[in-house]
Amino acid sequence: MSSINIVTLPRMSRDALSALLLSTSTPSNLAIVDVRDSDHIGGHIYGSTWVPSATLELRIPELVRTLKDKETVVFHCALSQQRGPSAALRYARAREGAVGAEESHNQKVYVLEGGFVQWQEKFGNDKRLTEAYVEDIWREY
């Protein structure tokens, strides 16, 4: 049985993630997985991969395979309260099952604190960090 659960999944702050993205060496070792569904409209974190939560079950094996060499994988949704943490947990458990518990701990899996809502509040207009941002869409949040 896996020791990973929703409570033990580490969180990453938006400031820590932005520092990783702006670092010259980290982006190749970093993967950001955006599991928003229709709320993906209006912007996304630079370089993130969009995997709608509705398709996650089918795409977990692909993610485990394609992200296997990444040092850090960060999951998020709009608020990172349900879909993001749930996706991170499913991924971490699948990865642990695929490579074994010891090797799976070499990769750090995080949930972005506050999700895209908090991200865009601070970094929405920063084109180095956010792509396709439409500020008007996010005014309501």
C-alpha atoms as a PDB file:
ATOM      1  CA  MET A   1       0.000   0.000   0.000  1.00  0.00           C
ATOM      2  CA  SER A   2       1.251   3.466  -0.891  1.00  0.00           C
ATOM      3  CA  SER A   3       2.285   5.881   1.851  1.00  0.00           C
ATOM      4  CA  ILE A   4       1.309   8.818  -0.352  1.00  0.00           C
ATOM      5  CA  ASN A   5      -1.983  10.530   0.424  1.00  0.00           C
ATOM      6  CA  ILE A   6      -3.626  13.928  -0.122  1.00  0.00           C
ATOM      7  CA  VAL A   7      -2.357  15.231   3.225  1.00  0.00           C
ATOM      8  CA  THR A   8       1.262  14.216   2.648  1.00  0.00           C
ATOM      9  CA  LEU A   9       1.493  15.650  -0.873  1.00  0.00           C
ATOM     10  CA  PRO A  10       3.781  18.672  -0.656  1.00  0.00           C
ATOM     11  CA  ARG A  11       2.555  22.069  -1.813  1.00  0.00           C
ATOM     12  CA  MET A  12       4.599  24.565  -3.798  1.00  0.00           C
ATOM     13  CA  SER A  13       4.008  28.307  -3.584  1.00  0.00           C
ATOM     14  CA  ARG A  14       3.530  30.421  -6.690  1.00  0.00           C
ATOM     15  CA  ASP A  15       6.734  32.308  -5.815  1.00  0.00           C
ATOM     16  CA  ALA A  16       8.749  29.088  -5.614  1.00  0.00           C
ATOM     17  CA  LEU A  17       7.348  27.884  -8.956  1.00  0.00           C
ATOM     18  CA  SER A  18       8.008  31.220 -10.650  1.00  0.00           C
ATOM     19  CA  ALA A  19      11.615  31.114  -9.408  1.00  0.00           C
ATOM     20  CA  LEU A  20      12.009  27.617 -10.887  1.00  0.00           C
ATOM     21  CA  LEU A  21      10.556  28.740 -14.219  1.00  0.00           C
ATOM     22  CA  LEU A  22      12.851  31.777 -14.383  1.00  0.00           C
ATOM     23  CA  SER A  23      15.941  29.781 -13.437  1.00  0.00           C
ATOM     24  CA  THR A  24      18.146  29.023 -16.432  1.00  0.00           C
ATOM     25  CA  SER A  25      18.759  25.401 -15.490  1.00  0.00           C
ATOM     26  CA  THR A  26      15.471  24.203 -14.005  1.00  0.00           C
ATOM     27  CA  PRO A  27      12.850  24.338 -16.796  1.00  0.00           C
ATOM     28  CA  SER A  28      14.190  21.196 -18.479  1.00  0.00           C
ATOM     29  CA  ASN A  29      13.897  19.324 -15.154  1.00  0.00           C
ATOM     30  CA  LEU A  30      10.420  20.670 -14.413  1.00  0.00           C
ATOM     31  CA  ALA A  31       6.972  19.650 -15.614  1.00  0.00           C
ATOM     32  CA  ILE A  32       3.766  21.525 -14.844  1.00  0.00           C
ATOM     33  CA  VAL A  33       0.506  19.657 -15.385  1.00  0.00           C
ATOM     34  CA  ASP A  34      -2.666  21.735 -15.638  1.00  0.00           C
ATOM     35  CA  VAL A  35      -5.744  19.594 -14.978  1.00  0.00           C
ATOM     36  CA  ARG A  36      -8.391  22.291 -15.404  1.00  0.00           C
ATOM     37  CA  ASP A  37     -11.243  21.425 -17.720  1.00  0.00           C
ATOM     38  CA  SER A  38     -13.251  24.150 -19.492  1.00  0.00           C
ATOM     39  CA  ASP A  39     -11.823  26.647 -16.980  1.00  0.00           C
ATOM     40  CA  HIS A  40      -8.487  26.329 -18.827  1.00  0.00           C
ATOM     41  CA  ILE A  41      -9.579  29.236 -21.020  1.00  0.00           C
ATOM     42  CA  GLY A  42      -7.954  32.600 -20.378  1.00  0.00           C
ATOM     43  CA  GLY A  43      -4.360  31.627 -19.777  1.00  0.00           C
ATOM     44  CA  HIS A  44      -1.962  29.017 -18.511  1.00  0.00           C
ATOM     45  CA  ILE A  45       1.427  28.747 -16.851  1.00  0.00           C
ATOM     46  CA  TYR A  46       4.251  28.971 -19.372  1.00  0.00           C
ATOM     47  CA  GLY A  47       5.308  25.538 -20.593  1.00  0.00           C
ATOM     48  CA  SER A  48       2.557  23.664 -18.781  1.00  0.00           C
ATOM     49  CA  THR A  49       0.897  20.577 -20.212  1.00  0.00           C
ATOM     50  CA  TRP A  50      -2.891  20.603 -20.308  1.00  0.00           C
ATOM     51  CA  VAL A  51      -4.436  17.317 -19.237  1.00  0.00           C
ATOM     52  CA  PRO A  52      -8.132  17.947 -18.528  1.00  0.00           C
ATOM     53  CA  SER A  53      -9.185  16.078 -15.401  1.00  0.00           C
ATOM     54  CA  ALA A  54     -11.878  14.323 -17.445  1.00  0.00           C
ATOM     55  CA  THR A  55      -9.097  12.611 -19.454  1.00  0.00           C
ATOM     56  CA  LEU A  56      -6.672  12.020 -16.595  1.00  0.00           C
ATOM     57  CA  GLU A  57      -7.461   8.359 -15.986  1.00  0.00           C
ATOM     58  CA  LEU A  58      -6.559   7.496 -19.580  1.00  0.00           C
ATOM     59  CA  ARG A  59      -3.471   9.726 -19.624  1.00  0.00           C
ATOM     60  CA  ILE A  60      -1.811   8.687 -16.335  1.00  0.00           C
ATOM     61  CA  PRO A  61       0.291   5.905 -17.950  1.00  0.00           C
ATOM     62  CA  GLU A  62       1.439   8.368 -20.640  1.00  0.00           C
ATOM     63  CA  LEU A  63       2.357  10.967 -17.997  1.00  0.00           C
ATOM     64  CA  VAL A  64       4.309   8.414 -15.952  1.00  0.00           C
ATOM     65  CA  ARG A  65       6.230   7.472 -19.104  1.00  0.00           C
ATOM     66  CA  THR A  66       6.844  10.969 -20.505  1.00  0.00           C
ATOM     67  CA  LEU A  67       7.664  12.666 -17.197  1.00  0.00           C
ATOM     68  CA  LYS A  68       9.876   9.896 -15.818  1.00  0.00           C
ATOM     69  CA  ASP A  69      13.091  11.915 -16.139  1.00  0.00           C
ATOM     70  CA  LYS A  70      11.754  15.140 -14.649  1.00  0.00           C
ATOM     71  CA  GLU A  71      13.041  16.048 -11.184  1.00  0.00           C
ATOM     72  CA  THR A  72       9.944  18.033 -10.273  1.00  0.00           C
ATOM     73  CA  VAL A  73       6.323  17.680 -11.378  1.00  0.00           C
ATOM     74  CA  VAL A  74       3.764  20.280 -10.269  1.00  0.00           C
ATOM     75  CA  PHE A  75       0.018  19.708 -10.662  1.00  0.00           C
ATOM     76  CA  HIS A  76      -2.653  22.370 -10.471  1.00  0.00           C
ATOM     77  CA  CYS A  77      -6.228  23.219 -11.313  1.00  0.00           C
ATOM     78  CA  ALA A  78      -8.087  26.495 -10.747  1.00  0.00           C
ATOM     79  CA  LEU A  79      -7.814  26.504  -6.941  1.00  0.00           C
ATOM     80  CA  SER A  80      -5.748  23.338  -6.323  1.00  0.00           C
ATOM     81  CA  GLN A  81      -8.265  22.125  -3.779  1.00  0.00           C
ATOM     82  CA  GLN A  82      -9.680  19.053  -5.521  1.00  0.00           C
ATOM     83  CA  ARG A  83      -8.693  18.255  -9.123  1.00  0.00           C
ATOM     84  CA  GLY A  84      -5.026  19.281  -8.752  1.00  0.00           C
ATOM     85  CA  PRO A  85      -4.305  17.363  -5.543  1.00  0.00           C
ATOM     86  CA  SER A  86      -6.338  14.378  -6.756  1.00  0.00           C
ATOM     87  CA  ALA A  87      -4.404  14.276 -10.039  1.00  0.00           C
ATOM     88  CA  ALA A  88      -1.052  14.610  -8.259  1.00  0.00           C
ATOM     89  CA  LEU A  89      -1.972  11.748  -5.948  1.00  0.00           C
ATOM     90  CA  ARG A  90      -3.064   9.489  -8.799  1.00  0.00           C
ATOM     91  CA  TYR A  91       0.115  10.284 -10.722  1.00  0.00           C
ATOM     92  CA  ALA A  92       2.396   9.730  -7.707  1.00  0.00           C
ATOM     93  CA  ARG A  93       0.778   6.390  -6.902  1.00  0.00           C
ATOM     94  CA  ALA A  94       0.928   5.248 -10.534  1.00  0.00           C
ATOM     95  CA  ARG A  95       4.572   6.273 -10.756  1.00  0.00           C
ATOM     96  CA  GLU A  96       5.349   4.442  -7.521  1.00  0.00           C
ATOM     97  CA  GLY A  97       3.672   1.336  -8.928  1.00  0.00           C
ATOM     98  CA  ALA A  98       5.568   1.610 -12.207  1.00  0.00           C
ATOM     99  CA  VAL A  99       9.095   2.212 -10.881  1.00  0.00           C
ATOM    100  CA  GLY A 100       8.900   1.136  -7.252  1.00  0.00           C
ATOM    101  CA  ALA A 101       8.649   3.221  -4.111  1.00  0.00           C
ATOM    102  CA  GLU A 102      12.355   3.944  -3.752  1.00  0.00           C
ATOM    103  CA  GLU A 103      12.929   5.189  -7.303  1.00  0.00           C
ATOM    104  CA  SER A 104       9.657   7.135  -7.330  1.00  0.00           C
ATOM    105  CA  HIS A 105      10.930   9.245  -4.420  1.00  0.00           C
ATOM    106  CA  ASN A 106      13.700  10.600  -6.667  1.00  0.00           C
ATOM    107  CA  GLN A 107      11.027  12.672  -8.393  1.00  0.00           C
ATOM    108  CA  LYS A 108       9.268  15.340  -6.349  1.00  0.00           C
ATOM    109  CA  VAL A 109       5.537  15.721  -6.996  1.00  0.00           C
ATOM    110  CA  TYR A 110       3.861  18.916  -5.805  1.00  0.00           C
ATOM    111  CA  VAL A 111       0.511  20.672  -5.859  1.00  0.00           C
ATOM    112  CA  LEU A 112       0.573  24.387  -6.677  1.00  0.00           C
ATOM    113  CA  GLU A 113      -0.845  26.303  -3.703  1.00  0.00           C
ATOM    114  CA  GLY A 114      -3.873  28.350  -4.714  1.00  0.00           C
ATOM    115  CA  GLY A 115      -3.882  26.961  -8.253  1.00  0.00           C
ATOM    116  CA  PHE A 116      -4.121  29.125 -11.335  1.00  0.00           C
ATOM    117  CA  VAL A 117      -6.407  31.622  -9.589  1.00  0.00           C
ATOM    118  CA  GLN A 118      -3.650  32.728  -7.197  1.00  0.00           C
ATOM    119  CA  TRP A 119      -0.996  32.341  -9.909  1.00  0.00           C
ATOM    120  CA  GLN A 120      -2.728  34.733 -12.288  1.00  0.00           C
ATOM    121  CA  GLU A 121      -3.313  37.300  -9.525  1.00  0.00           C
ATOM    122  CA  LYS A 122       0.435  37.819  -9.286  1.00  0.00           C
ATOM    123  CA  PHE A 123       1.856  36.580 -12.592  1.00  0.00           C
ATOM    124  CA  GLY A 124      -0.997  36.787 -15.106  1.00  0.00           C
ATOM    125  CA  ASN A 125       0.494  39.729 -16.992  1.00  0.00           C
ATOM    126  CA  ASP A 126       4.080  38.447 -16.833  1.00  0.00           C
ATOM    127  CA  LYS A 127       4.624  36.999 -20.321  1.00  0.00           C
ATOM    128  CA  ARG A 128       7.712  35.107 -19.109  1.00  0.00           C
ATOM    129  CA  LEU A 129       5.487  33.092 -16.767  1.00  0.00           C
ATOM    130  CA  THR A 130       1.965  33.070 -18.219  1.00  0.00           C
ATOM    131  CA  GLU A 131       0.810  32.409 -21.777  1.00  0.00           C
ATOM    132  CA  ALA A 132      -2.441  33.420 -23.511  1.00  0.00           C
ATOM    133  CA  TYR A 133      -3.592  35.404 -20.482  1.00  0.00           C
ATOM    134  CA  VAL A 134      -6.955  37.191 -20.757  1.00  0.00           C
ATOM    135  CA  GLU A 135      -7.301  39.375 -17.678  1.00  0.00           C
ATOM    136  CA  ASP A 136     -11.029  40.050 -18.153  1.00  0.00           C
ATOM    137  CA  ILE A 137     -11.864  36.369 -17.718  1.00  0.00           C
ATOM    138  CA  TRP A 138     -10.179  36.282 -14.309  1.00  0.00           C
ATOM    139  CA  ARG A 139     -11.674  39.473 -12.838  1.00  0.00           C
ATOM    140  CA  GLU A 140     -14.602  37.503 -11.443  1.00  0.00           C
ATOM    141  CA  TYR A 141     -12.412  35.169  -9.375  1.00  0.00           C
END
